[in-house]
C-alpha atoms as a PDB file:
ATOM      1  CA  MET A   1       4.074 -12.981  33.509  1.00  0.00           C
ATOM      2  CA  LEU A   2       4.907 -10.205  31.080  1.00  0.00           C
ATOM      3  CA  LEU A   3       2.259  -8.011  32.683  1.00  0.00           C
ATOM      4  CA  HIS A   4       3.629  -8.749  36.157  1.00  0.00           C
ATOM      5  CA  ASN A   5       7.196  -8.091  35.039  1.00  0.00           C
ATOM      6  CA  GLY A   6       6.177  -4.820  33.402  1.00  0.00           C
ATOM      7  CA  VAL A   7       4.230  -3.476  36.378  1.00  0.00           C
ATOM      8  CA  PHE A   8       6.536  -4.695  39.134  1.00  0.00           C
ATOM      9  CA  GLY A   9       9.880  -4.663  37.309  1.00  0.00           C
ATOM     10  CA  ASP A  10      10.340  -8.340  38.129  1.00  0.00           C
ATOM     11  CA  GLY A  11      11.945 -11.261  36.311  1.00  0.00           C
ATOM     12  CA  VAL A  12       9.284 -13.978  36.387  1.00  0.00           C
ATOM     13  CA  CYS A  13      10.026 -16.656  33.764  1.00  0.00           C
ATOM     14  CA  LEU A  14       7.991 -19.523  32.373  1.00  0.00           C
ATOM     15  CA  GLU A  15       9.905 -22.745  32.975  1.00  0.00           C
ATOM     16  CA  GLY A  16       7.340 -25.179  31.616  1.00  0.00           C
ATOM     17  CA  ILE A  17       3.997 -26.869  32.140  1.00  0.00           C
ATOM     18  CA  SER A  18       3.554 -29.428  34.889  1.00  0.00           C
ATOM     19  CA  ASP A  19       1.900 -32.797  34.492  1.00  0.00           C
ATOM     20  CA  ALA A  20      -1.011 -31.530  36.592  1.00  0.00           C
ATOM     21  CA  ARG A  21      -3.809 -29.824  34.673  1.00  0.00           C
ATOM     22  CA  ASN A  22      -3.623 -26.083  34.138  1.00  0.00           C
ATOM     23  CA  SER A  23      -0.382 -25.669  36.056  1.00  0.00           C
ATOM     24  CA  LEU A  24       2.485 -23.547  34.865  1.00  0.00           C
ATOM     25  CA  VAL A  25       5.946 -23.826  36.347  1.00  0.00           C
ATOM     26  CA  ILE A  26       7.496 -20.400  36.826  1.00  0.00           C
ATOM     27  CA  SER A  27      10.605 -19.021  38.442  1.00  0.00           C
ATOM     28  CA  GLN A  28      11.396 -15.677  40.001  1.00  0.00           C
ATOM     29  CA  PRO A  29      14.678 -14.167  41.172  1.00  0.00           C
ATOM     30  CA  TYR A  30      15.341 -14.827  44.859  1.00  0.00           C
ATOM     31  CA  ILE A  31      14.843 -11.766  47.051  1.00  0.00           C
ATOM     32  CA  ARG A  32      16.223 -11.747  50.586  1.00  0.00           C
ATOM     33  CA  GLY A  33      14.003  -9.890  53.028  1.00  0.00           C
ATOM     34  CA  SER A  34      10.993 -10.146  55.288  1.00  0.00           C
ATOM     35  CA  ILE A  35       7.234  -9.856  55.089  1.00  0.00           C
ATOM     36  CA  PRO A  36       6.305  -6.168  55.333  1.00  0.00           C
ATOM     37  CA  GLU A  37       3.482  -4.613  57.326  1.00  0.00           C
ATOM     38  CA  ARG A  38       0.208  -4.102  55.433  1.00  0.00           C
ATOM     39  CA  SER A  39       0.629  -0.323  55.665  1.00  0.00           C
ATOM     40  CA  ARG A  40       3.954  -0.648  53.827  1.00  0.00           C
ATOM     41  CA  THR A  41       2.503  -2.850  51.060  1.00  0.00           C
ATOM     42  CA  ASN A  42      -0.419  -0.457  50.630  1.00  0.00           C
ATOM     43  CA  GLN A  43       1.994   2.475  50.412  1.00  0.00           C
ATOM     44  CA  PHE A  44       4.059   0.647  47.790  1.00  0.00           C
ATOM     45  CA  VAL A  45       1.039  -0.241  45.646  1.00  0.00           C
ATOM     46  CA  GLU A  46      -0.186   3.362  45.802  1.00  0.00           C
ATOM     47  CA  GLN A  47       3.268   4.648  44.835  1.00  0.00           C
ATOM     48  CA  ILE A  48       3.259   2.578  41.648  1.00  0.00           C
ATOM     49  CA  GLY A  49      -0.083   4.078  40.617  1.00  0.00           C
ATOM     50  CA  PHE A  50      -2.854   1.856  41.953  1.00  0.00           C
ATOM     51  CA  GLU A  51      -6.042   2.904  43.735  1.00  0.00           C
ATOM     52  CA  GLN A  52      -7.550   0.606  46.342  1.00  0.00           C
ATOM     53  CA  MET A  53     -11.001  -0.622  45.313  1.00  0.00           C
ATOM     54  CA  ALA A  54     -11.506  -3.081  48.200  1.00  0.00           C
ATOM     55  CA  ASP A  55      -9.329  -4.872  50.737  1.00  0.00           C
ATOM     56  CA  GLY A  56      -6.560  -6.577  48.780  1.00  0.00           C
ATOM     57  CA  PHE A  57      -7.906  -5.348  45.422  1.00  0.00           C
ATOM     58  CA  TRP A  58      -6.369  -2.460  43.475  1.00  0.00           C
ATOM     59  CA  PHE A  59      -6.832  -0.870  40.062  1.00  0.00           C
ATOM     60  CA  SER A  60      -4.622   1.376  37.938  1.00  0.00           C
ATOM     61  CA  GLN A  61      -6.717   3.486  35.579  1.00  0.00           C
ATOM     62  CA  GLU A  62      -3.565   4.640  33.769  1.00  0.00           C
ATOM     63  CA  ARG A  63      -2.406   1.084  33.037  1.00  0.00           C
ATOM     64  CA  SER A  64      -5.881  -0.484  32.881  1.00  0.00           C
ATOM     65  CA  VAL A  65      -4.534  -3.221  35.163  1.00  0.00           C
ATOM     66  CA  ALA A  66      -5.934  -4.701  38.364  1.00  0.00           C
ATOM     67  CA  ILE A  67      -4.136  -6.602  41.113  1.00  0.00           C
ATOM     68  CA  MET A  68      -5.566  -8.867  43.769  1.00  0.00           C
ATOM     69  CA  ASP A  69      -4.355 -10.894  46.723  1.00  0.00           C
ATOM     70  CA  THR A  70      -2.120  -8.111  47.997  1.00  0.00           C
ATOM     71  CA  LYS A  71      -1.759  -9.551  51.477  1.00  0.00           C
ATOM     72  CA  PRO A  72       1.601  -8.859  53.146  1.00  0.00           C
ATOM     73  CA  ALA A  73       2.730 -12.482  52.705  1.00  0.00           C
ATOM     74  CA  ASN A  74       2.752 -11.865  48.938  1.00  0.00           C
ATOM     75  CA  PHE A  75       5.455  -9.204  49.228  1.00  0.00           C
ATOM     76  CA  ILE A  76       9.051  -9.077  50.435  1.00  0.00           C
ATOM     77  CA  GLU A  77      10.649  -5.978  51.945  1.00  0.00           C
ATOM     78  CA  THR A  78      14.403  -5.773  51.567  1.00  0.00           C
ATOM     79  CA  GLU A  79      16.858  -4.234  54.036  1.00  0.00           C
ATOM     80  CA  ASP A  80      17.123  -1.117  51.878  1.00  0.00           C
ATOM     81  CA  GLY A  81      13.340  -0.542  52.195  1.00  0.00           C
ATOM     82  CA  GLY A  82      12.402  -1.855  48.753  1.00  0.00           C
ATOM     83  CA  VAL A  83       9.139  -3.761  48.410  1.00  0.00           C
ATOM     84  CA  HIS A  84       8.803  -6.572  45.860  1.00  0.00           C
ATOM     85  CA  SER A  85       5.737  -8.517  44.748  1.00  0.00           C
ATOM     86  CA  ILE A  86       6.204 -12.275  44.895  1.00  0.00           C
ATOM     87  CA  ASP A  87       2.703 -13.706  44.464  1.00  0.00           C
ATOM     88  CA  VAL A  88       0.172 -11.039  43.513  1.00  0.00           C
ATOM     89  CA  ALA A  89      -2.581 -11.868  41.008  1.00  0.00           C
ATOM     90  CA  ILE A  90      -2.505  -9.373  38.138  1.00  0.00           C
ATOM     91  CA  PHE A  91      -4.860  -9.035  35.174  1.00  0.00           C
ATOM     92  CA  GLU A  92      -6.299  -6.722  32.547  1.00  0.00           C
ATOM     93  CA  PRO A  93      -9.978  -6.225  33.399  1.00  0.00           C
ATOM     94  CA  THR A  94     -12.702  -6.049  30.768  1.00  0.00           C
ATOM     95  CA  ARG A  95     -14.382  -2.755  29.890  1.00  0.00           C
ATOM     96  CA  VAL A  96     -17.520  -3.930  31.745  1.00  0.00           C
ATOM     97  CA  MET A  97     -15.481  -4.481  34.917  1.00  0.00           C
ATOM     98  CA  ILE A  98     -13.852  -1.055  34.638  1.00  0.00           C
ATOM     99  CA  ASP A  99     -17.227   0.634  34.107  1.00  0.00           C
ATOM    100  CA  LEU A 100     -18.555  -1.052  37.262  1.00  0.00           C
ATOM    101  CA  TRP A 101     -15.627   0.280  39.295  1.00  0.00           C
ATOM    102  CA  SER A 102     -15.978   3.857  38.033  1.00  0.00           C
END
């Protein structure tokens, strides 16, 4: 969550742990908007410093952070043209992973 908030400037919060195994309960500020076109999400992800490695998979060398599942349904575009991540998988890859991508 901290990684997501840092990269995307979001406000994801941990609310608790559910009774189901391995399930976290999180919250995120509500964002009014619509699902953007893929070209718009790709443009947004590039603008914040990521390079596309494969469809839906991006890596930022500068941040040493990867994001996955960047389908349009995981973003919201607001009326003012802003794009916000709402359900993108984000992680810090291992050195081995980074070496494979280089």
